[in-house]
N, C-alpha and C. Protein backbone atom coordinates (compact mmCIF):
# COMPACT_ATOMS: atom_id res chain seq x y z
N MET A 1 53.35 212.77 125.50
CA MET A 1 54.33 211.72 125.30
C MET A 1 53.91 210.51 126.11
N SER A 2 54.02 209.36 125.54
CA SER A 2 53.65 208.12 126.20
C SER A 2 54.64 207.79 127.31
N ALA A 3 54.12 207.21 128.41
CA ALA A 3 54.98 206.84 129.54
C ALA A 3 56.01 205.81 129.11
N ASP A 4 55.69 204.99 128.07
CA ASP A 4 56.63 203.99 127.60
C ASP A 4 57.85 204.62 126.95
N LEU A 5 57.72 205.85 126.48
CA LEU A 5 58.82 206.51 125.79
C LEU A 5 59.69 207.34 126.72
N VAL A 6 59.27 207.54 127.96
CA VAL A 6 60.01 208.36 128.90
C VAL A 6 60.98 207.47 129.67
N ARG A 7 62.24 207.84 129.65
CA ARG A 7 63.25 207.08 130.38
C ARG A 7 63.07 207.28 131.89
N PRO A 8 63.31 206.22 132.68
CA PRO A 8 63.11 206.33 134.13
C PRO A 8 63.88 207.48 134.77
N TYR A 9 65.11 207.74 134.33
CA TYR A 9 65.87 208.81 134.96
C TYR A 9 65.27 210.18 134.68
N VAL A 10 64.47 210.31 133.63
CA VAL A 10 63.78 211.57 133.36
C VAL A 10 62.65 211.77 134.37
N ILE A 11 61.96 210.68 134.69
CA ILE A 11 60.84 210.75 135.65
C ILE A 11 61.34 211.20 137.02
N THR A 12 62.53 210.73 137.42
CA THR A 12 63.06 211.07 138.74
C THR A 12 64.05 212.23 138.70
N ASN A 13 64.19 212.86 137.56
CA ASN A 13 65.16 213.95 137.39
C ASN A 13 66.58 213.49 137.70
N GLY A 14 66.87 212.23 137.40
CA GLY A 14 68.20 211.69 137.58
C GLY A 14 68.55 211.30 139.00
N ARG A 15 67.60 211.39 139.91
CA ARG A 15 67.88 211.06 141.31
C ARG A 15 67.67 209.59 141.59
N GLY A 16 68.41 209.10 142.56
CA GLY A 16 68.23 207.73 143.03
C GLY A 16 67.47 207.73 144.35
N LEU A 17 67.40 206.57 144.95
CA LEU A 17 66.70 206.46 146.24
C LEU A 17 67.43 207.24 147.32
N PRO A 18 66.70 207.88 148.21
CA PRO A 18 67.36 208.58 149.33
C PRO A 18 67.97 207.57 150.29
N ASP A 19 68.92 208.04 151.09
CA ASP A 19 69.59 207.16 152.05
C ASP A 19 68.63 206.60 153.08
N ASN A 20 67.61 207.35 153.43
CA ASN A 20 66.64 206.91 154.44
C ASN A 20 65.40 206.32 153.78
N ASP A 21 65.58 205.46 152.82
CA ASP A 21 64.47 204.86 152.08
C ASP A 21 63.55 204.12 153.05
N GLN A 22 62.34 204.63 153.22
CA GLN A 22 61.39 204.06 154.17
C GLN A 22 60.40 203.10 153.50
N PHE A 23 60.57 202.88 152.21
CA PHE A 23 59.60 202.08 151.47
C PHE A 23 60.14 200.70 151.13
N ASN A 24 59.35 199.67 151.41
CA ASN A 24 59.63 198.36 150.86
C ASN A 24 58.38 197.93 150.09
N LEU A 25 58.38 196.75 149.55
CA LEU A 25 57.28 196.34 148.66
C LEU A 25 55.91 196.35 149.32
N ILE A 26 55.87 196.13 150.64
CA ILE A 26 54.56 196.02 151.30
C ILE A 26 54.23 197.23 152.17
N THR A 27 55.03 198.29 152.09
CA THR A 27 54.68 199.53 152.78
C THR A 27 53.37 200.06 152.21
N LEU A 28 52.47 200.48 153.06
CA LEU A 28 51.16 200.96 152.64
C LEU A 28 51.16 202.48 152.53
N VAL A 29 50.52 202.99 151.50
CA VAL A 29 50.53 204.42 151.19
C VAL A 29 49.12 204.88 150.85
N THR A 30 48.75 206.06 151.30
CA THR A 30 47.50 206.70 150.92
C THR A 30 47.72 208.21 150.90
N THR A 31 46.76 208.94 150.35
CA THR A 31 46.91 210.39 150.27
C THR A 31 46.59 211.03 151.62
N SER A 32 47.20 212.18 151.86
CA SER A 32 46.91 212.96 153.07
C SER A 32 45.77 213.92 152.75
N ASP A 33 45.40 214.71 153.74
CA ASP A 33 44.33 215.70 153.56
C ASP A 33 44.84 217.00 152.94
N GLN A 34 46.15 217.08 152.75
CA GLN A 34 46.73 218.30 152.19
C GLN A 34 46.28 218.49 150.74
N PRO A 35 45.86 219.69 150.37
CA PRO A 35 45.43 219.94 148.99
C PRO A 35 46.58 219.73 148.00
N ARG A 36 46.24 219.23 146.84
CA ARG A 36 47.26 219.00 145.81
C ARG A 36 47.69 220.32 145.18
N PRO A 37 48.96 220.39 144.81
CA PRO A 37 49.40 221.59 144.10
C PRO A 37 48.86 221.59 142.68
N SER A 38 48.73 222.77 142.10
CA SER A 38 48.20 222.86 140.73
C SER A 38 49.22 222.34 139.71
N GLN A 39 50.49 222.55 139.99
CA GLN A 39 51.54 222.08 139.09
C GLN A 39 52.20 220.85 139.69
N LEU A 40 52.04 219.71 139.05
CA LEU A 40 52.61 218.47 139.55
C LEU A 40 52.97 217.60 138.36
N ASP A 41 54.11 216.90 138.44
CA ASP A 41 54.51 216.00 137.37
C ASP A 41 53.40 214.98 137.11
N PRO A 42 53.24 214.54 135.86
CA PRO A 42 52.17 213.58 135.56
C PRO A 42 52.27 212.29 136.36
N GLU A 43 53.49 211.81 136.59
CA GLU A 43 53.66 210.56 137.34
C GLU A 43 53.26 210.75 138.80
N LYS A 44 53.61 211.88 139.37
CA LYS A 44 53.23 212.15 140.76
C LYS A 44 51.71 212.32 140.87
N ARG A 45 51.12 212.95 139.88
CA ARG A 45 49.66 213.10 139.86
C ARG A 45 49.01 211.72 139.79
N SER A 46 49.58 210.83 138.98
CA SER A 46 49.04 209.46 138.87
C SER A 46 49.14 208.72 140.20
N VAL A 47 50.25 208.89 140.90
CA VAL A 47 50.41 208.25 142.21
C VAL A 47 49.32 208.74 143.16
N LEU A 48 49.11 210.05 143.20
CA LEU A 48 48.08 210.60 144.09
C LEU A 48 46.68 210.13 143.70
N ASP A 49 46.42 210.04 142.40
CA ASP A 49 45.12 209.53 141.95
C ASP A 49 44.92 208.09 142.40
N LEU A 50 45.95 207.26 142.24
CA LEU A 50 45.86 205.86 142.66
C LEU A 50 45.62 205.73 144.16
N CYS A 51 46.38 206.50 144.93
CA CYS A 51 46.34 206.37 146.39
C CYS A 51 45.13 207.05 147.02
N SER A 52 44.41 207.85 146.26
CA SER A 52 43.26 208.53 146.83
C SER A 52 42.11 207.59 147.16
N GLY A 53 42.13 206.39 146.60
CA GLY A 53 41.07 205.42 146.87
C GLY A 53 41.27 204.62 148.13
N GLY A 54 42.39 204.78 148.80
CA GLY A 54 42.67 204.02 150.02
C GLY A 54 44.11 203.53 150.02
N LEU A 55 44.41 202.70 151.00
CA LEU A 55 45.77 202.21 151.16
C LEU A 55 46.17 201.26 150.03
N LEU A 56 47.35 201.50 149.47
CA LEU A 56 47.93 200.61 148.47
C LEU A 56 49.37 200.33 148.86
N SER A 57 49.85 199.14 148.53
CA SER A 57 51.25 198.83 148.78
C SER A 57 52.11 199.42 147.66
N VAL A 58 53.39 199.55 147.94
CA VAL A 58 54.34 200.06 146.94
C VAL A 58 54.32 199.17 145.71
N ALA A 59 54.25 197.86 145.92
CA ALA A 59 54.22 196.92 144.79
C ALA A 59 52.96 197.13 143.94
N GLU A 60 51.82 197.37 144.57
CA GLU A 60 50.59 197.60 143.82
C GLU A 60 50.68 198.88 143.00
N ILE A 61 51.24 199.92 143.59
CA ILE A 61 51.37 201.19 142.88
C ILE A 61 52.27 201.01 141.66
N ALA A 62 53.39 200.34 141.84
CA ALA A 62 54.31 200.10 140.72
C ALA A 62 53.63 199.27 139.63
N GLY A 63 52.85 198.28 140.03
CA GLY A 63 52.15 197.46 139.05
C GLY A 63 51.12 198.24 138.25
N HIS A 64 50.34 199.05 138.94
CA HIS A 64 49.34 199.86 138.25
C HIS A 64 49.97 200.88 137.31
N MET A 65 51.10 201.44 137.74
CA MET A 65 51.75 202.48 136.94
C MET A 65 52.68 201.91 135.87
N LYS A 66 52.95 200.60 135.97
CA LYS A 66 53.87 199.94 135.03
C LYS A 66 55.24 200.62 135.02
N LEU A 67 55.72 200.93 136.24
CA LEU A 67 57.03 201.53 136.42
C LEU A 67 57.87 200.65 137.34
N PRO A 68 59.20 200.71 137.21
CA PRO A 68 60.06 199.95 138.12
C PRO A 68 59.88 200.40 139.57
N ILE A 69 60.07 199.48 140.49
CA ILE A 69 59.91 199.75 141.92
C ILE A 69 60.77 200.93 142.35
N GLY A 70 62.02 200.97 141.92
CA GLY A 70 62.92 202.04 142.32
C GLY A 70 62.41 203.42 141.94
N ILE A 71 61.84 203.53 140.75
CA ILE A 71 61.29 204.81 140.29
C ILE A 71 60.10 205.20 141.16
N VAL A 72 59.23 204.23 141.42
CA VAL A 72 58.05 204.50 142.25
C VAL A 72 58.47 204.92 143.66
N LYS A 73 59.51 204.30 144.20
CA LYS A 73 59.98 204.67 145.53
C LYS A 73 60.47 206.12 145.57
N VAL A 74 61.14 206.55 144.52
CA VAL A 74 61.60 207.95 144.47
C VAL A 74 60.40 208.89 144.43
N LEU A 75 59.39 208.57 143.61
CA LEU A 75 58.18 209.39 143.54
C LEU A 75 57.47 209.43 144.89
N LEU A 76 57.34 208.27 145.52
CA LEU A 76 56.68 208.20 146.83
C LEU A 76 57.45 208.98 147.88
N SER A 77 58.75 208.89 147.82
CA SER A 77 59.59 209.62 148.77
C SER A 77 59.38 211.14 148.63
N ASP A 78 59.35 211.62 147.39
CA ASP A 78 59.11 213.04 147.15
C ASP A 78 57.75 213.47 147.68
N LEU A 79 56.71 212.70 147.32
CA LEU A 79 55.35 213.05 147.73
C LEU A 79 55.17 212.97 149.24
N SER A 80 55.82 212.00 149.85
CA SER A 80 55.73 211.84 151.30
C SER A 80 56.43 212.99 152.02
N SER A 81 57.62 213.34 151.55
CA SER A 81 58.35 214.43 152.21
C SER A 81 57.65 215.78 152.02
N ASP A 82 56.87 215.91 150.95
CA ASP A 82 56.11 217.15 150.73
C ASP A 82 54.77 217.15 151.47
N GLY A 83 54.44 216.03 152.13
CA GLY A 83 53.23 215.97 152.94
C GLY A 83 51.98 215.53 152.20
N TYR A 84 52.12 215.06 150.96
CA TYR A 84 50.94 214.66 150.18
C TYR A 84 50.53 213.21 150.40
N LEU A 85 51.41 212.43 151.03
CA LEU A 85 51.12 211.02 151.28
C LEU A 85 51.26 210.69 152.76
N VAL A 86 50.47 209.74 153.20
CA VAL A 86 50.60 209.16 154.53
C VAL A 86 51.15 207.75 154.32
N VAL A 87 52.22 207.46 155.02
CA VAL A 87 52.90 206.16 154.86
C VAL A 87 52.71 205.36 156.13
N ARG A 88 52.31 204.11 155.95
CA ARG A 88 52.15 203.20 157.10
C ARG A 88 53.08 202.02 156.91
N ALA A 89 53.93 201.82 157.89
CA ALA A 89 54.87 200.70 157.83
C ALA A 89 54.09 199.39 157.77
N PRO A 90 54.66 198.41 157.12
CA PRO A 90 53.97 197.11 157.05
C PRO A 90 53.80 196.51 158.44
N VAL A 91 52.78 195.72 158.59
CA VAL A 91 52.53 195.04 159.85
C VAL A 91 53.64 194.02 160.06
N PRO A 92 54.28 194.02 161.24
CA PRO A 92 55.35 193.05 161.46
C PRO A 92 54.80 191.63 161.47
N PRO A 93 55.61 190.68 161.06
CA PRO A 93 55.13 189.29 161.05
C PRO A 93 54.79 188.83 162.47
N ALA A 94 53.78 188.03 162.56
CA ALA A 94 53.34 187.53 163.87
C ALA A 94 54.39 186.58 164.45
N GLN A 95 54.52 186.64 165.75
CA GLN A 95 55.44 185.74 166.42
C GLN A 95 54.80 184.35 166.51
N LEU A 96 55.59 183.35 166.31
CA LEU A 96 55.07 181.99 166.39
C LEU A 96 54.76 181.65 167.84
N VAL A 97 53.63 181.02 168.05
CA VAL A 97 53.21 180.64 169.39
C VAL A 97 53.88 179.33 169.75
N ASP A 98 54.23 179.20 171.01
CA ASP A 98 54.85 177.97 171.51
C ASP A 98 53.84 176.83 171.41
N VAL A 99 54.21 175.76 170.73
CA VAL A 99 53.31 174.63 170.51
C VAL A 99 52.92 173.99 171.84
N SER A 100 53.83 173.95 172.79
CA SER A 100 53.50 173.33 174.08
C SER A 100 52.41 174.11 174.81
N LEU A 101 52.42 175.44 174.65
CA LEU A 101 51.37 176.26 175.26
C LEU A 101 50.01 175.94 174.62
N LEU A 102 49.99 175.83 173.31
CA LEU A 102 48.74 175.47 172.62
C LEU A 102 48.25 174.09 173.06
N GLN A 103 49.17 173.15 173.24
CA GLN A 103 48.80 171.81 173.67
C GLN A 103 48.21 171.84 175.07
N GLU A 104 48.77 172.65 175.97
CA GLU A 104 48.22 172.78 177.32
C GLU A 104 46.82 173.38 177.29
N VAL A 105 46.59 174.38 176.45
CA VAL A 105 45.27 174.97 176.33
C VAL A 105 44.28 173.93 175.81
N LEU A 106 44.67 173.19 174.80
CA LEU A 106 43.81 172.15 174.24
C LEU A 106 43.49 171.09 175.29
N ASN A 107 44.49 170.65 176.03
CA ASN A 107 44.27 169.64 177.07
C ASN A 107 43.31 170.18 178.15
N GLY A 108 43.47 171.45 178.52
CA GLY A 108 42.59 172.05 179.52
C GLY A 108 41.16 172.13 179.04
N LEU A 109 40.98 172.51 177.77
CA LEU A 109 39.62 172.58 177.20
C LEU A 109 38.99 171.20 177.11
N GLN A 110 39.77 170.22 176.72
CA GLN A 110 39.24 168.87 176.62
C GLN A 110 38.88 168.32 178.00
N ALA A 111 39.69 168.63 179.02
CA ALA A 111 39.40 168.15 180.38
C ALA A 111 38.15 168.82 180.93
N ARG A 112 37.96 170.08 180.57
CA ARG A 112 36.81 170.82 181.11
C ARG A 112 35.51 170.50 180.36
N PHE A 113 35.60 170.43 179.03
CA PHE A 113 34.38 170.28 178.24
C PHE A 113 34.25 168.91 177.59
N GLY A 114 35.24 168.07 177.81
CA GLY A 114 35.18 166.69 177.38
C GLY A 114 35.20 166.44 175.97
């Protein structure tokens, strides 16, 4: 059966996102060293195939699979809780540096090296 013909609630067995949803669009995911089970849903197998090449964001996985983000998050949550995926939180945004500090550094470099 084509993935286009399968309703999203069938893929997730009617489940929604868990309360402790750890995934956002830029969360990075890759496969763990745990061996894959012989019986696995086709969508979960596709996720593991995609992630076996290295770290991918949730948004990239959803794009490659052509599935809604919410469905992909449910699949990722299942695979992660079963130990098949390693999840890395996104890198926090960098703190802005104080402009006056940068100006002092620049002035010091100019005074020293002209």
